[in-house]
């Protein structure tokens, strides 16, 4: 008896669902745009809708900052591992010229001294 009642209840629910779908939904074979309906949201960079609204100058400044500013100006710390490289430009410790482990001056060779002389002569001319 309960099984029959459950089946009838399911049939009733399926009929109600089908009726509501046919009442509130339409299936189209091809898309036909309605140009006179208002837009839900305007496109920021659209040239056709640029004059449709007055933009807030503060908001425009924020958009300009988001586009043009480097990540260092927008966020205080690096968000990705690749941003970590070059984020902190200043060395963590002071450079001591007497410490051989932390100071490696470039050594000069005959080739580099000769190249330096050539560059110096070109600057004089």
Protein backbone atom coordinates (compact mmCIF):
# COMPACT_ATOMS: atom_id res chain seq x y z
CA UNK A 1 0.00 0.00 0.00
CA UNK A 2 2.76 2.44 0.91
CA UNK A 3 4.63 1.57 -2.27
CA UNK A 4 1.58 2.53 -4.37
CA UNK A 5 1.18 5.82 -2.47
CA UNK A 6 4.87 6.65 -2.98
CA UNK A 7 4.57 5.93 -6.72
CA UNK A 8 1.46 8.14 -7.00
CA UNK A 9 3.21 10.92 -5.07
CA UNK A 10 6.22 10.69 -7.42
CA UNK A 11 3.90 10.83 -10.43
CA UNK A 12 2.17 13.93 -9.05
CA UNK A 13 5.50 15.65 -8.35
CA UNK A 14 6.77 14.80 -11.85
CA UNK A 15 3.59 16.20 -13.40
CA UNK A 16 3.85 19.43 -11.39
CA UNK A 17 7.52 19.81 -12.40
CA UNK A 18 6.78 19.23 -16.10
CA UNK A 19 3.88 21.70 -16.01
CA UNK A 20 6.00 24.40 -14.37
CA UNK A 21 8.85 23.84 -16.86
CA UNK A 22 6.52 24.18 -19.84
CA UNK A 23 4.93 27.26 -18.28
CA UNK A 24 8.12 29.17 -17.34
CA UNK A 25 10.78 27.88 -19.76
CA UNK A 26 11.09 28.19 -23.51
CA UNK A 27 13.54 26.33 -25.71
CA UNK A 28 14.80 28.24 -28.74
CA UNK A 29 16.47 26.73 -31.79
CA UNK A 30 18.44 29.88 -32.56
CA UNK A 31 19.45 32.99 -30.65
CA UNK A 32 17.65 36.25 -31.45
CA UNK A 33 19.08 39.23 -29.55
CA UNK A 34 16.78 41.84 -28.04
CA UNK A 35 18.53 45.16 -28.50
CA UNK A 36 15.98 47.28 -26.62
CA UNK A 37 16.31 45.48 -23.29
CA UNK A 38 18.51 47.26 -20.73
CA UNK A 39 21.94 45.86 -19.94
CA UNK A 40 22.45 43.98 -16.71
CA UNK A 41 26.05 45.12 -16.35
CA UNK A 42 28.04 47.50 -18.49
CA UNK A 43 31.40 46.53 -19.96
CA UNK A 44 34.25 48.62 -18.60
CA UNK A 45 36.39 48.75 -21.74
CA UNK A 46 33.59 48.84 -24.33
CA UNK A 47 33.86 51.80 -26.67
CA UNK A 48 30.14 51.65 -27.49
CA UNK A 49 28.99 51.96 -23.88
CA UNK A 50 31.64 54.41 -22.67
CA UNK A 51 29.31 57.39 -22.63
CA UNK A 52 26.33 55.51 -21.23
CA UNK A 53 27.19 56.31 -17.61
CA UNK A 54 29.20 58.79 -15.58
CA UNK A 55 32.23 57.11 -14.06
CA UNK A 56 33.36 57.87 -10.54
CA UNK A 57 36.84 59.48 -10.70
CA UNK A 58 37.98 57.54 -7.63
CA UNK A 59 36.97 54.28 -9.24
CA UNK A 60 38.74 55.21 -12.48
CA UNK A 61 41.90 55.98 -10.50
CA UNK A 62 41.72 52.54 -8.87
CA UNK A 63 41.27 50.83 -12.23
CA UNK A 64 44.20 52.80 -13.67
CA UNK A 65 46.37 51.84 -10.67
CA UNK A 66 45.42 48.18 -11.05
CA UNK A 67 46.39 48.22 -14.72
CA UNK A 68 49.56 50.32 -14.69
CA UNK A 69 51.12 49.90 -11.25
CA UNK A 70 53.65 47.14 -10.58
CA UNK A 71 52.82 44.54 -7.93
CA UNK A 72 55.10 46.21 -5.37
CA UNK A 73 52.81 49.26 -5.29
CA UNK A 74 49.62 47.20 -4.97
CA UNK A 75 50.51 44.62 -2.32
CA UNK A 76 52.90 44.82 0.64
CA UNK A 77 54.40 41.30 0.30
CA UNK A 78 54.99 38.93 -2.64
CA UNK A 79 52.07 36.59 -3.28
CA UNK A 80 53.82 34.03 -5.47
CA UNK A 81 57.24 32.43 -5.39
CA UNK A 82 58.25 34.08 -8.65
CA UNK A 83 57.50 37.51 -7.14
CA UNK A 84 59.93 36.81 -4.29
CA UNK A 85 62.88 37.14 -6.64
CA UNK A 86 63.75 40.81 -6.84
CA UNK A 87 61.11 41.92 -4.32
CA UNK A 88 63.70 43.00 -1.75
CA UNK A 89 66.47 44.89 -3.56
CA UNK A 90 68.47 46.02 -0.53
CA UNK A 91 70.93 43.43 0.85
CA UNK A 92 70.02 41.90 4.20
CA UNK A 93 73.47 42.54 5.67
CA UNK A 94 75.96 45.35 5.23
CA UNK A 95 78.80 44.63 2.82
CA UNK A 96 82.16 44.33 4.54
CA UNK A 97 85.09 44.49 2.13
CA UNK A 98 87.34 42.68 4.56
CA UNK A 99 85.10 39.57 4.68
CA UNK A 100 86.23 37.13 1.93
CA UNK A 101 83.02 35.05 2.20
CA UNK A 102 80.58 37.86 1.46
CA UNK A 103 82.61 40.18 -0.78
CA UNK A 104 83.81 38.97 -4.18
CA UNK A 105 85.27 41.83 -6.19
CA UNK A 106 85.81 41.15 -9.85
CA UNK A 107 89.33 40.21 -10.63
CA UNK A 108 90.99 41.84 -13.57
CA UNK A 109 92.79 40.00 -16.32
CA UNK A 110 94.82 41.16 -19.28
CA UNK A 111 91.76 40.99 -21.53
CA UNK A 112 89.58 43.04 -19.18
CA UNK A 113 92.33 45.67 -18.70
CA UNK A 114 92.78 45.90 -22.47
CA UNK A 115 89.00 46.26 -22.93
CA UNK A 116 88.97 49.02 -20.31
CA UNK A 117 91.70 50.89 -22.17
CA UNK A 118 89.81 50.59 -25.48
CA UNK A 119 86.61 51.94 -23.89
CA UNK A 120 88.54 54.80 -22.25
CA UNK A 121 90.15 55.77 -25.57
CA UNK A 122 86.77 55.76 -27.32
CA UNK A 123 85.37 58.10 -24.67
CA UNK A 124 88.27 60.51 -25.12
CA UNK A 125 87.64 60.81 -28.87
